[in-house]
C-alpha atoms as a PDB file:
ATOM      1  CA  UNK A   1     259.793 186.378 168.636  1.00  0.00           C
ATOM      2  CA  UNK A   2     259.133 189.459 170.729  1.00  0.00           C
ATOM      3  CA  UNK A   3     255.937 191.546 170.664  1.00  0.00           C
ATOM      4  CA  UNK A   4     256.456 195.194 169.738  1.00  0.00           C
ATOM      5  CA  UNK A   5     254.245 198.236 170.160  1.00  0.00           C
ATOM      6  CA  UNK A   6     254.257 198.914 166.393  1.00  0.00           C
ATOM      7  CA  UNK A   7     251.284 198.129 164.192  1.00  0.00           C
ATOM      8  CA  UNK A   8     252.343 196.185 161.084  1.00  0.00           C
ATOM      9  CA  UNK A   9     252.386 198.616 158.155  1.00  0.00           C
ATOM     10  CA  UNK A  10     254.196 197.473 155.004  1.00  0.00           C
ATOM     11  CA  UNK A  11     254.646 201.027 153.685  1.00  0.00           C
ATOM     12  CA  UNK A  12     255.730 202.650 156.973  1.00  0.00           C
ATOM     13  CA  UNK A  13     259.409 202.936 156.067  1.00  0.00           C
ATOM     14  CA  UNK A  14     258.592 204.944 152.931  1.00  0.00           C
ATOM     15  CA  UNK A  15     256.831 207.540 155.155  1.00  0.00           C
ATOM     16  CA  UNK A  16     258.931 210.542 156.343  1.00  0.00           C
ATOM     17  CA  UNK A  17     257.649 209.889 159.905  1.00  0.00           C
ATOM     18  CA  UNK A  18     259.779 206.736 159.974  1.00  0.00           C
ATOM     19  CA  UNK A  19     262.929 208.865 159.917  1.00  0.00           C
ATOM     20  CA  UNK A  20     262.285 210.392 163.351  1.00  0.00           C
ATOM     21  CA  UNK A  21     264.304 209.624 166.472  1.00  0.00           C
ATOM     22  CA  UNK A  22     261.677 207.152 167.743  1.00  0.00           C
ATOM     23  CA  UNK A  23     259.661 205.836 164.766  1.00  0.00           C
ATOM     24  CA  UNK A  24     256.417 204.113 165.714  1.00  0.00           C
ATOM     25  CA  UNK A  25     253.747 202.846 163.343  1.00  0.00           C
ATOM     26  CA  UNK A  26     250.251 203.227 164.821  1.00  0.00           C
ATOM     27  CA  UNK A  27     248.046 202.575 161.759  1.00  0.00           C
ATOM     28  CA  UNK A  28     247.887 200.389 158.673  1.00  0.00           C
ATOM     29  CA  UNK A  29     246.806 196.964 159.932  1.00  0.00           C
ATOM     30  CA  UNK A  30     245.098 195.011 162.687  1.00  0.00           C
ATOM     31  CA  UNK A  31     248.315 193.034 163.250  1.00  0.00           C
ATOM     32  CA  UNK A  32     251.168 193.873 165.620  1.00  0.00           C
ATOM     33  CA  UNK A  33     254.859 193.635 164.805  1.00  0.00           C
ATOM     34  CA  UNK A  34     256.869 190.748 166.177  1.00  0.00           C
ATOM     35  CA  UNK A  35     260.658 190.849 165.880  1.00  0.00           C
ATOM     36  CA  UNK A  36     263.443 188.337 166.085  1.00  0.00           C
ATOM     37  CA  UNK A  37     262.936 184.613 165.764  1.00  0.00           C
ATOM     38  CA  UNK A  38     262.689 181.337 167.646  1.00  0.00           C
ATOM     39  CA  UNK A  39     264.738 178.174 167.956  1.00  0.00           C
ATOM     40  CA  UNK A  40     262.841 176.218 165.282  1.00  0.00           C
ATOM     41  CA  UNK A  41     262.652 179.130 162.821  1.00  0.00           C
ATOM     42  CA  UNK A  42     264.689 180.062 159.777  1.00  0.00           C
ATOM     43  CA  UNK A  43     268.077 181.641 160.481  1.00  0.00           C
ATOM     44  CA  UNK A  44     267.118 184.735 158.438  1.00  0.00           C
ATOM     45  CA  UNK A  45     264.421 185.558 161.031  1.00  0.00           C
ATOM     46  CA  UNK A  46     266.751 185.200 164.046  1.00  0.00           C
ATOM     47  CA  UNK A  47     267.843 188.831 164.140  1.00  0.00           C
ATOM     48  CA  UNK A  48     266.339 191.914 165.741  1.00  0.00           C
ATOM     49  CA  UNK A  49     265.675 193.600 162.386  1.00  0.00           C
ATOM     50  CA  UNK A  50     263.434 190.740 161.194  1.00  0.00           C
ATOM     51  CA  UNK A  51     259.810 191.936 161.294  1.00  0.00           C
ATOM     52  CA  UNK A  52     256.650 189.913 160.901  1.00  0.00           C
ATOM     53  CA  UNK A  53     253.038 190.491 161.871  1.00  0.00           C
ATOM     54  CA  UNK A  54     250.755 188.567 164.176  1.00  0.00           C
ATOM     55  CA  UNK A  55     247.229 189.185 165.374  1.00  0.00           C
ATOM     56  CA  UNK A  56     246.995 190.628 168.904  1.00  0.00           C
ATOM     57  CA  UNK A  57     244.523 187.955 169.982  1.00  0.00           C
ATOM     58  CA  UNK A  58     246.829 185.119 168.922  1.00  0.00           C
ATOM     59  CA  UNK A  59     248.346 182.959 171.652  1.00  0.00           C
ATOM     60  CA  UNK A  60     251.400 180.896 170.769  1.00  0.00           C
ATOM     61  CA  UNK A  61     254.399 179.676 172.728  1.00  0.00           C
ATOM     62  CA  UNK A  62     257.041 181.295 170.521  1.00  0.00           C
ATOM     63  CA  UNK A  63     256.100 184.972 171.096  1.00  0.00           C
ATOM     64  CA  UNK A  64     257.151 186.777 174.266  1.00  0.00           C
ATOM     65  CA  UNK A  65     257.676 190.344 175.404  1.00  0.00           C
ATOM     66  CA  UNK A  66     260.359 192.373 177.121  1.00  0.00           C
ATOM     67  CA  UNK A  67     259.315 194.692 179.953  1.00  0.00           C
ATOM     68  CA  UNK A  68     261.273 197.931 179.956  1.00  0.00           C
ATOM     69  CA  UNK A  69     261.471 200.968 182.180  1.00  0.00           C
ATOM     70  CA  UNK A  70     263.016 204.363 181.396  1.00  0.00           C
ATOM     71  CA  UNK A  71     266.190 205.243 183.249  1.00  0.00           C
ATOM     72  CA  UNK A  72     265.725 207.744 186.081  1.00  0.00           C
END
């Protein structure tokens, strides 16, 4: 899995704000979105569109992150 900036919000995609060019959920839960999957997980979770939530204080070996930088 990969940590995302989004806060887990089950009703976010029914909100008109989700239709913007860069949708980002900032409220609705104390959990953060994790996307993708891991080698011992179900195949249905091994895709970038798979979303689950995990507490920000949790520490497990199957969640990572991807550093990014805007293009100049």
